[in-house]
Amino acid sequence: MFADKGYCNKKAFFIVKQNGCTSRAILKNNMRGKDFERDRLTSKQRMPDERMFSKQNKKGRYIGVAKNQFQGFMQALVHNFKQLISIHEIVLQGF
């Protein structure tokens, strides 16, 4: 599980381990065991996904959880279709 500095506490590590996952949370600079090289590689892996979330609206447009979840789902769907089109064009250019 990739996470940022807000999820590098003992409770979060325990819950992640309890669910059978491995935590890749970036540790804060003043924490023991901080590995800057590992955090740099983790940040590179997280970067494509973080870009998608940075483009989304921060505020909900509608009143109610269901409508806002649907809006988020549709935004993610459109983003994935745009990515698919650009990947498809790259593949076609390669041949």
PDB file of N, CA and C in Angstrom:
ATOM      1  N   MET A   1       0.836  -1.165   0.000  1.00  0.00           N
ATOM      2  CA  MET A   1       0.000   0.000   0.000  1.00  0.00           C
ATOM      3  C   MET A   1       0.888   1.237   0.000  1.00  0.00           C
ATOM      4  N   PHE A   2       0.713   2.078  -0.981  1.00  0.00           N
ATOM      5  CA  PHE A   2       1.440   3.329  -1.036  1.00  0.00           C
ATOM      6  C   PHE A   2       0.656   4.388  -0.271  1.00  0.00           C
ATOM      7  N   ALA A   3       1.350   5.167   0.523  1.00  0.00           N
ATOM      8  CA  ALA A   3       0.693   6.214   1.295  1.00  0.00           C
ATOM      9  C   ALA A   3       1.677   7.350   1.523  1.00  0.00           C
ATOM     10  N   ASP A   4       1.146   8.514   1.877  1.00  0.00           N
ATOM     11  CA  ASP A   4       2.037   9.635   2.153  1.00  0.00           C
ATOM     12  C   ASP A   4       2.284   9.753   3.655  1.00  0.00           C
ATOM     13  N   LYS A   5       2.914  10.825   4.069  1.00  0.00           N
ATOM     14  CA  LYS A   5       3.374  10.986   5.446  1.00  0.00           C
ATOM     15  C   LYS A   5       2.266  10.993   6.479  1.00  0.00           C
ATOM     16  N   GLY A   6       1.054  11.274   6.067  1.00  0.00           N
ATOM     17  CA  GLY A   6      -0.054  11.283   7.006  1.00  0.00           C
ATOM     18  C   GLY A   6      -0.434   9.906   7.521  1.00  0.00           C
ATOM     19  N   TYR A   7       0.047   8.850   6.858  1.00  0.00           N
ATOM     20  CA  TYR A   7      -0.308   7.486   7.233  1.00  0.00           C
ATOM     21  C   TYR A   7       0.903   6.690   7.721  1.00  0.00           C
ATOM     22  N   CYS A   8       1.854   7.342   8.327  1.00  0.00           N
ATOM     23  CA  CYS A   8       3.045   6.628   8.788  1.00  0.00           C
ATOM     24  C   CYS A   8       3.067   6.491  10.308  1.00  0.00           C
ATOM     25  N   ASN A   9       1.899   6.290  10.926  1.00  0.00           N
ATOM     26  CA  ASN A   9       1.864   6.084  12.365  1.00  0.00           C
ATOM     27  C   ASN A   9       1.673   4.602  12.675  1.00  0.00           C
ATOM     28  N   LYS A  10       1.801   4.244  13.944  1.00  0.00           N
ATOM     29  CA  LYS A  10       1.743   2.836  14.344  1.00  0.00           C
ATOM     30  C   LYS A  10       0.378   2.212  14.059  1.00  0.00           C
ATOM     31  N   LYS A  11      -0.680   2.971  14.281  1.00  0.00           N
ATOM     32  CA  LYS A  11      -2.022   2.442  14.059  1.00  0.00           C
ATOM     33  C   LYS A  11      -2.231   2.077  12.587  1.00  0.00           C
ATOM     34  N   ALA A  12      -1.789   2.947  11.686  1.00  0.00           N
ATOM     35  CA  ALA A  12      -1.932   2.684  10.253  1.00  0.00           C
ATOM     36  C   ALA A  12      -1.099   1.478   9.836  1.00  0.00           C
ATOM     37  N   PHE A  13       0.132   1.370  10.344  1.00  0.00           N
ATOM     38  CA  PHE A  13       0.983   0.220  10.023  1.00  0.00           C
ATOM     39  C   PHE A  13       0.332  -1.077  10.511  1.00  0.00           C
ATOM     40  N   PHE A  14      -0.277  -1.040  11.707  1.00  0.00           N
ATOM     41  CA  PHE A  14      -0.920  -2.222  12.270  1.00  0.00           C
ATOM     42  C   PHE A  14      -2.102  -2.655  11.406  1.00  0.00           C
ATOM     43  N   ILE A  15      -2.926  -1.715  10.990  1.00  0.00           N
ATOM     44  CA  ILE A  15      -4.098  -2.047  10.171  1.00  0.00           C
ATOM     45  C   ILE A  15      -3.672  -2.608   8.820  1.00  0.00           C
ATOM     46  N   VAL A  16      -2.649  -2.039   8.228  1.00  0.00           N
ATOM     47  CA  VAL A  16      -2.156  -2.527   6.939  1.00  0.00           C
ATOM     48  C   VAL A  16      -1.635  -3.957   7.082  1.00  0.00           C
ATOM     49  N   LYS A  17      -0.853  -4.206   8.118  1.00  0.00           N
ATOM     50  CA  LYS A  17      -0.294  -5.535   8.343  1.00  0.00           C
ATOM     51  C   LYS A  17      -1.392  -6.540   8.665  1.00  0.00           C
ATOM     52  N   GLN A  18      -2.398  -6.113   9.424  1.00  0.00           N
ATOM     53  CA  GLN A  18      -3.512  -6.975   9.793  1.00  0.00           C
ATOM     54  C   GLN A  18      -4.283  -7.434   8.554  1.00  0.00           C
ATOM     55  N   ASN A  19      -4.338  -6.610   7.531  1.00  0.00           N
ATOM     56  CA  ASN A  19      -5.034  -6.952   6.291  1.00  0.00           C
ATOM     57  C   ASN A  19      -4.155  -7.673   5.289  1.00  0.00           C
ATOM     58  N   GLY A  20      -2.942  -8.029   5.690  1.00  0.00           N
ATOM     59  CA  GLY A  20      -2.063  -8.812   4.828  1.00  0.00           C
ATOM     60  C   GLY A  20      -1.366  -8.011   3.756  1.00  0.00           C
ATOM     61  N   CYS A  21      -1.213  -6.716   3.950  1.00  0.00           N
ATOM     62  CA  CYS A  21      -0.551  -5.853   2.969  1.00  0.00           C
ATOM     63  C   CYS A  21       0.789  -5.374   3.517  1.00  0.00           C
ATOM     64  N   THR A  22       1.556  -4.772   2.663  1.00  0.00           N
ATOM     65  CA  THR A  22       2.823  -4.168   3.050  1.00  0.00           C
ATOM     66  C   THR A  22       2.701  -2.664   2.892  1.00  0.00           C
ATOM     67  N   SER A  23       3.104  -1.939   3.918  1.00  0.00           N
ATOM     68  CA  SER A  23       3.015  -0.484   3.872  1.00  0.00           C
ATOM     69  C   SER A  23       4.245   0.097   3.195  1.00  0.00           C
ATOM     70  N   ARG A  24       4.019   0.971   2.238  1.00  0.00           N
ATOM     71  CA  ARG A  24       5.094   1.707   1.581  1.00  0.00           C
ATOM     72  C   ARG A  24       4.937   3.194   1.861  1.00  0.00           C
ATOM     73  N   ALA A  25       4.462   3.512   3.068  1.00  0.00           N
ATOM     74  CA  ALA A  25       4.269   4.906   3.455  1.00  0.00           C
ATOM     75  C   ALA A  25       5.621   5.595   3.561  1.00  0.00           C
ATOM     76  N   ILE A  26       5.675   6.812   3.080  1.00  0.00           N
ATOM     77  CA  ILE A  26       6.897   7.602   3.171  1.00  0.00           C
ATOM     78  C   ILE A  26       7.000   8.132   4.589  1.00  0.00           C
ATOM     79  N   LEU A  27       8.099   7.838   5.254  1.00  0.00           N
ATOM     80  CA  LEU A  27       8.280   8.271   6.633  1.00  0.00           C
ATOM     81  C   LEU A  27       8.628   9.751   6.702  1.00  0.00           C
ATOM     82  N   LYS A  28       8.271  10.365   7.825  1.00  0.00           N
ATOM     83  CA  LYS A  28       8.618  11.766   8.042  1.00  0.00           C
ATOM     84  C   LYS A  28      10.121  11.880   8.236  1.00  0.00           C
ATOM     85  N   ASN A  29      10.660  13.064   7.976  1.00  0.00           N
ATOM     86  CA  ASN A  29      12.111  13.250   8.029  1.00  0.00           C
ATOM     87  C   ASN A  29      12.705  13.012   9.413  1.00  0.00           C
ATOM     88  N   ASN A  30      11.944  13.208  10.479  1.00  0.00           N
ATOM     89  CA  ASN A  30      12.495  13.056  11.821  1.00  0.00           C
ATOM     90  C   ASN A  30      12.255  11.666  12.409  1.00  0.00           C
ATOM     91  N   MET A  31      11.768  10.718  11.620  1.00  0.00           N
ATOM     92  CA  MET A  31      11.476   9.382  12.127  1.00  0.00           C
ATOM     93  C   MET A  31      12.679   8.456  11.972  1.00  0.00           C
ATOM     94  N   ARG A  32      12.779   7.504  12.926  1.00  0.00           N
ATOM     95  CA  ARG A  32      13.846   6.499  12.841  1.00  0.00           C
ATOM     96  C   ARG A  32      13.600   5.595  11.653  1.00  0.00           C
ATOM     97  N   GLY A  33      14.666   5.158  11.022  1.00  0.00           N
ATOM     98  CA  GLY A  33      14.543   4.244   9.902  1.00  0.00           C
ATOM     99  C   GLY A  33      14.204   4.917   8.590  1.00  0.00           C
ATOM    100  N   LYS A  34      14.306   6.227   8.528  1.00  0.00           N
ATOM    101  CA  LYS A  34      14.016   6.963   7.296  1.00  0.00           C
ATOM    102  C   LYS A  34      15.043   6.591   6.239  1.00  0.00           C
ATOM    103  N   ASP A  35      14.563   6.143   5.093  1.00  0.00           N
ATOM    104  CA  ASP A  35      15.436   5.756   3.987  1.00  0.00           C
ATOM    105  C   ASP A  35      15.090   6.653   2.796  1.00  0.00           C
ATOM    106  N   PHE A  36      15.927   7.643   2.552  1.00  0.00           N
ATOM    107  CA  PHE A  36      15.637   8.630   1.518  1.00  0.00           C
ATOM    108  C   PHE A  36      15.630   7.999   0.124  1.00  0.00           C
ATOM    109  N   GLU A  37      16.487   7.024  -0.104  1.00  0.00           N
ATOM    110  CA  GLU A  37      16.541   6.373  -1.417  1.00  0.00           C
ATOM    111  C   GLU A  37      15.251   5.589  -1.692  1.00  0.00           C
ATOM    112  N   ARG A  38      14.774   4.844  -0.700  1.00  0.00           N
ATOM    113  CA  ARG A  38      13.536   4.084  -0.859  1.00  0.00           C
ATOM    114  C   ARG A  38      12.357   5.028  -1.075  1.00  0.00           C
ATOM    115  N   ASP A  39      12.339   6.137  -0.331  1.00  0.00           N
ATOM    116  CA  ASP A  39      11.249   7.104  -0.472  1.00  0.00           C
ATOM    117  C   ASP A  39      11.267   7.766  -1.844  1.00  0.00           C
ATOM    118  N   ARG A  40      12.440   7.984  -2.389  1.00  0.00           N
ATOM    119  CA  ARG A  40      12.548   8.573  -3.720  1.00  0.00           C
ATOM    120  C   ARG A  40      11.974   7.615  -4.765  1.00  0.00           C
ATOM    121  N   LEU A  41      12.293   6.324  -4.648  1.00  0.00           N
ATOM    122  CA  LEU A  41      11.761   5.332  -5.581  1.00  0.00           C
ATOM    123  C   LEU A  41      10.250   5.165  -5.415  1.00  0.00           C
ATOM    124  N   THR A  42       9.778   5.202  -4.175  1.00  0.00           N
ATOM    125  CA  THR A  42       8.343   5.108  -3.916  1.00  0.00           C
ATOM    126  C   THR A  42       7.609   6.294  -4.533  1.00  0.00           C
ATOM    127  N   SER A  43       8.175   7.480  -4.423  1.00  0.00           N
ATOM    128  CA  SER A  43       7.541   8.668  -4.994  1.00  0.00           C
ATOM    129  C   SER A  43       7.441   8.564  -6.509  1.00  0.00           C
ATOM    130  N   LYS A  44       8.446   7.986  -7.156  1.00  0.00           N
ATOM    131  CA  LYS A  44       8.401   7.808  -8.606  1.00  0.00           C
ATOM    132  C   LYS A  44       7.285   6.858  -9.013  1.00  0.00           C
ATOM    133  N   GLN A  45       7.058   5.820  -8.202  1.00  0.00           N
ATOM    134  CA  GLN A  45       5.994   4.868  -8.513  1.00  0.00           C
ATOM    135  C   GLN A  45       4.620   5.481  -8.292  1.00  0.00           C
ATOM    136  N   ARG A  46       4.501   6.360  -7.313  1.00  0.00           N
ATOM    137  CA  ARG A  46       3.215   6.992  -6.998  1.00  0.00           C
ATOM    138  C   ARG A  46       2.862   8.115  -7.962  1.00  0.00           C
ATOM    139  N   MET A  47       3.834   8.691  -8.627  1.00  0.00           N
ATOM    140  CA  MET A  47       3.645   9.902  -9.410  1.00  0.00           C
ATOM    141  C   MET A  47       2.523   9.806 -10.456  1.00  0.00           C
ATOM    142  N   PRO A  48       2.431   8.752 -11.283  1.00  0.00           N
ATOM    143  CA  PRO A  48       1.349   8.738 -12.286  1.00  0.00           C
ATOM    144  C   PRO A  48      -0.048   8.777 -11.668  1.00  0.00           C
ATOM    145  N   ASP A  49      -0.236   8.091 -10.547  1.00  0.00           N
ATOM    146  CA  ASP A  49      -1.550   8.084  -9.911  1.00  0.00           C
ATOM    147  C   ASP A  49      -1.841   9.415  -9.233  1.00  0.00           C
ATOM    148  N   GLU A  50      -0.849  10.024  -8.648  1.00  0.00           N
ATOM    149  CA  GLU A  50      -1.043  11.311  -7.986  1.00  0.00           C
ATOM    150  C   GLU A  50      -1.459  12.378  -8.993  1.00  0.00           C
ATOM    151  N   ARG A  51      -0.950  12.290 -10.204  1.00  0.00           N
ATOM    152  CA  ARG A  51      -1.296  13.275 -11.227  1.00  0.00           C
ATOM    153  C   ARG A  51      -2.785  13.226 -11.535  1.00  0.00           C
ATOM    154  N   MET A  52      -3.353  12.020 -11.576  1.00  0.00           N
ATOM    155  CA  MET A  52      -4.777  11.886 -11.860  1.00  0.00           C
ATOM    156  C   MET A  52      -5.610  12.545 -10.762  1.00  0.00           C
ATOM    157  N   PHE A  53      -5.248  12.315  -9.496  1.00  0.00           N
ATOM    158  CA  PHE A  53      -6.027  12.874  -8.401  1.00  0.00           C
ATOM    159  C   PHE A  53      -5.867  14.390  -8.306  1.00  0.00           C
ATOM    160  N   SER A  54      -4.743  14.921  -8.761  1.00  0.00           N
ATOM    161  CA  SER A  54      -4.555  16.362  -8.684  1.00  0.00           C
ATOM    162  C   SER A  54      -5.432  17.104  -9.687  1.00  0.00           C
ATOM    163  N   LYS A  55      -5.875  16.431 -10.739  1.00  0.00           N
ATOM    164  CA  LYS A  55      -6.706  17.060 -11.760  1.00  0.00           C
ATOM    165  C   LYS A  55      -8.186  17.068 -11.397  1.00  0.00           C
ATOM    166  N   GLN A  56      -8.570  16.263 -10.417  1.00  0.00           N
ATOM    167  CA  GLN A  56      -9.974  16.171 -10.061  1.00  0.00           C
ATOM    168  C   GLN A  56     -10.405  17.353  -9.200  1.00  0.00           C
ATOM    169  N   ASN A  57     -11.693  17.636  -9.248  1.00  0.00           N
ATOM    170  CA  ASN A  57     -12.243  18.702  -8.415  1.00  0.00           C
ATOM    171  C   ASN A  57     -12.151  18.313  -6.951  1.00  0.00           C
ATOM    172  N   LYS A  58     -11.847  19.275  -6.125  1.00  0.00           N
ATOM    173  CA  LYS A  58     -11.739  19.013  -4.690  1.00  0.00           C
ATOM    174  C   LYS A  58     -13.093  19.092  -4.002  1.00  0.00           C
ATOM    175  N   LYS A  59     -14.017  19.839  -4.559  1.00  0.00           N
ATOM    176  CA  LYS A  59     -15.329  20.004  -3.950  1.00  0.00           C
ATOM    177  C   LYS A  59     -16.339  19.139  -4.686  1.00  0.00           C
ATOM    178  N   GLY A  60     -17.317  18.659  -3.915  1.00  0.00           N
ATOM    179  CA  GLY A  60     -18.398  17.913  -4.525  1.00  0.00           C
ATOM    180  C   GLY A  60     -19.369  18.864  -5.211  1.00  0.00           C
ATOM    181  N   ARG A  61     -19.853  18.452  -6.342  1.00  0.00           N
ATOM    182  CA  ARG A  61     -20.762  19.302  -7.092  1.00  0.00           C
ATOM    183  C   ARG A  61     -22.201  19.133  -6.623  1.00  0.00           C
ATOM    184  N   TYR A  62     -22.485  17.970  -6.084  1.00  0.00           N
ATOM    185  CA  TYR A  62     -23.864  17.637  -5.726  1.00  0.00           C
ATOM    186  C   TYR A  62     -24.012  17.496  -4.218  1.00  0.00           C
ATOM    187  N   ILE A  63     -25.255  17.424  -3.770  1.00  0.00           N
ATOM    188  CA  ILE A  63     -25.545  17.155  -2.373  1.00  0.00           C
ATOM    189  C   ILE A  63     -25.851  15.663  -2.267  1.00  0.00           C
ATOM    190  N   GLY A  64     -25.141  14.990  -1.403  1.00  0.00           N
ATOM    191  CA  GLY A  64     -25.355  13.553  -1.224  1.00  0.00           C
ATOM    192  C   GLY A  64     -24.139  12.755  -1.648  1.00  0.00           C
ATOM    193  N   VAL A  65     -23.884  11.700  -0.926  1.00  0.00           N
ATOM    194  CA  VAL A  65     -22.693  10.880  -1.159  1.00  0.00           C
ATOM    195  C   VAL A  65     -22.787  10.135  -2.483  1.00  0.00           C
ATOM    196  N   ALA A  66     -23.935   9.549  -2.770  1.00  0.00           N
ATOM    197  CA  ALA A  66     -24.076   8.716  -3.963  1.00  0.00           C
ATOM    198  C   ALA A  66     -23.815   9.518  -5.246  1.00  0.00           C
ATOM    199  N   LYS A  67     -24.372  10.709  -5.325  1.00  0.00           N
ATOM    200  CA  LYS A  67     -24.178  11.532  -6.528  1.00  0.00           C
ATOM    201  C   LYS A  67     -22.722  11.960  -6.670  1.00  0.00           C
ATOM    202  N   ASN A  68     -22.064  12.304  -5.569  1.00  0.00           N
ATOM    203  CA  ASN A  68     -20.665  12.702  -5.637  1.00  0.00           C
ATOM    204  C   ASN A  68     -19.762  11.518  -5.961  1.00  0.00           C
ATOM    205  N   GLN A  69     -20.104  10.337  -5.456  1.00  0.00           N
ATOM    206  CA  GLN A  69     -19.330   9.155  -5.817  1.00  0.00           C
ATOM    207  C   GLN A  69     -19.465   8.856  -7.301  1.00  0.00           C
ATOM    208  N   PHE A  70     -20.667   9.013  -7.823  1.00  0.00           N
ATOM    209  CA  PHE A  70     -20.879   8.797  -9.249  1.00  0.00           C
ATOM    210  C   PHE A  70     -20.087   9.799 -10.075  1.00  0.00           C
ATOM    211  N   GLN A  71     -20.049  11.046  -9.634  1.00  0.00           N
ATOM    212  CA  GLN A  71     -19.264  12.066 -10.332  1.00  0.00           C
ATOM    213  C   GLN A  71     -17.785  11.688 -10.337  1.00  0.00           C
ATOM    214  N   GLY A  72     -17.256  11.261  -9.195  1.00  0.00           N
ATOM    215  CA  GLY A  72     -15.859  10.850  -9.120  1.00  0.00           C
ATOM    216  C   GLY A  72     -15.577   9.649 -10.000  1.00  0.00           C
ATOM    217  N   PHE A  73     -16.500   8.699 -10.023  1.00  0.00           N
ATOM    218  CA  PHE A  73     -16.356   7.518 -10.871  1.00  0.00           C
ATOM    219  C   PHE A  73     -16.311   7.913 -12.341  1.00  0.00           C
ATOM    220  N   MET A  74     -17.205   8.798 -12.740  1.00  0.00           N
ATOM    221  CA  MET A  74     -17.243   9.221 -14.143  1.00  0.00           C
ATOM    222  C   MET A  74     -15.989  10.001 -14.528  1.00  0.00           C
ATOM    223  N   GLN A  75     -15.482  10.836 -13.616  1.00  0.00           N
ATOM    224  CA  GLN A  75     -14.238  11.568 -13.904  1.00  0.00           C
ATOM    225  C   GLN A  75     -13.077  10.596 -14.080  1.00  0.00           C
ATOM    226  N   ALA A  76     -13.012   9.580 -13.217  1.00  0.00           N
ATOM    227  CA  ALA A  76     -11.944   8.589 -13.343  1.00  0.00           C
ATOM    228  C   ALA A  76     -12.093   7.803 -14.641  1.00  0.00           C
ATOM    229  N   LEU A  77     -13.317   7.480 -15.011  1.00  0.00           N
ATOM    230  CA  LEU A  77     -13.575   6.748 -16.252  1.00  0.00           C
ATOM    231  C   LEU A  77     -13.123   7.551 -17.470  1.00  0.00           C
ATOM    232  N   VAL A  78     -13.478   8.829 -17.507  1.00  0.00           N
ATOM    233  CA  VAL A  78     -13.069   9.689 -18.621  1.00  0.00           C
ATOM    234  C   VAL A  78     -11.547   9.816 -18.668  1.00  0.00           C
ATOM    235  N   HIS A  79     -10.921   9.965 -17.506  1.00  0.00           N
ATOM    236  CA  HIS A  79      -9.454  10.055 -17.469  1.00  0.00           C
ATOM    237  C   HIS A  79      -8.826   8.772 -18.038  1.00  0.00           C
ATOM    238  N   ASN A  80      -9.363   7.622 -17.652  1.00  0.00           N
ATOM    239  CA  ASN A  80      -8.814   6.359 -18.149  1.00  0.00           C
ATOM    240  C   ASN A  80      -9.023   6.204 -19.649  1.00  0.00           C
ATOM    241  N   PHE A  81     -10.153   6.653 -20.172  1.00  0.00           N
ATOM    242  CA  PHE A  81     -10.366   6.602 -21.615  1.00  0.00           C
ATOM    243  C   PHE A  81      -9.376   7.502 -22.354  1.00  0.00           C
ATOM    244  N   LYS A  82      -9.116   8.683 -21.809  1.00  0.00           N
ATOM    245  CA  LYS A  82      -8.133   9.577 -22.425  1.00  0.00           C
ATOM    246  C   LYS A  82      -6.751   8.928 -22.432  1.00  0.00           C
ATOM    247  N   GLN A  83      -6.391   8.271 -21.318  1.00  0.00           N
ATOM    248  CA  GLN A  83      -5.102   7.582 -21.254  1.00  0.00           C
ATOM    249  C   GLN A  83      -5.058   6.446 -22.275  1.00  0.00           C
ATOM    250  N   LEU A  84      -6.163   5.707 -22.417  1.00  0.00           N
ATOM    251  CA  LEU A  84      -6.227   4.609 -23.370  1.00  0.00           C
ATOM    252  C   LEU A  84      -6.037   5.101 -24.797  1.00  0.00           C
ATOM    253  N   ILE A  85      -6.646   6.225 -25.120  1.00  0.00           N
ATOM    254  CA  ILE A  85      -6.496   6.793 -26.467  1.00  0.00           C
ATOM    255  C   ILE A  85      -5.051   7.174 -26.723  1.00  0.00           C
ATOM    256  N   SER A  86      -4.405   7.819 -25.768  1.00  0.00           N
ATOM    257  CA  SER A  86      -3.010   8.230 -25.979  1.00  0.00           C
ATOM    258  C   SER A  86      -2.091   7.014 -26.068  1.00  0.00           C
ATOM    259  N   ILE A  87      -2.360   5.982 -25.282  1.00  0.00           N
ATOM    260  CA  ILE A  87      -1.542   4.750 -25.369  1.00  0.00           C
ATOM    261  C   ILE A  87      -1.768   4.070 -26.716  1.00  0.00           C
ATOM    262  N   HIS A  88      -3.013   4.043 -27.166  1.00  0.00           N
ATOM    263  CA  HIS A  88      -3.333   3.444 -28.455  1.00  0.00           C
ATOM    264  C   HIS A  88      -2.615   4.171 -29.592  1.00  0.00           C
ATOM    265  N   GLU A  89      -2.572   5.497 -29.536  1.00  0.00           N
ATOM    266  CA  GLU A  89      -1.885   6.267 -30.572  1.00  0.00           C
ATOM    267  C   GLU A  89      -0.389   5.975 -30.560  1.00  0.00           C
ATOM    268  N   ILE A  90       0.193   5.827 -29.386  1.00  0.00           N
ATOM    269  CA  ILE A  90       1.621   5.514 -29.286  1.00  0.00           C
ATOM    270  C   ILE A  90       1.896   4.148 -29.881  1.00  0.00           C
ATOM    271  N   VAL A  91       1.032   3.179 -29.605  1.00  0.00           N
ATOM    272  CA  VAL A  91       1.216   1.830 -30.146  1.00  0.00           C
ATOM    273  C   VAL A  91       1.102   1.836 -31.662  1.00  0.00           C
ATOM    274  N   LEU A  92       0.139   2.582 -32.201  1.00  0.00           N
ATOM    275  CA  LEU A  92      -0.018   2.656 -33.650  1.00  0.00           C
ATOM    276  C   LEU A  92       1.166   3.318 -34.326  1.00  0.00           C
ATOM    277  N   GLN A  93       1.769   4.308 -33.680  1.00  0.00           N
ATOM    278  CA  GLN A  93       2.926   4.979 -34.260  1.00  0.00           C
ATOM    279  C   GLN A  93       4.144   4.060 -34.274  1.00  0.00           C
ATOM    280  N   GLY A  94       4.182   3.119 -33.331  1.00  0.00           N
ATOM    281  CA  GLY A  94       5.319   2.203 -33.249  1.00  0.00           C
ATOM    282  C   GLY A  94       5.340   1.180 -34.362  1.00  0.00           C
ATOM    283  N   PHE A  95       4.182   0.947 -34.999  1.00  0.00           N
ATOM    284  CA  PHE A  95       4.120  -0.068 -36.046  1.00  0.00           C
ATOM    285  C   PHE A  95       4.182   0.520 -37.395  1.00  0.00           C
TER     286      PHE A  95
END
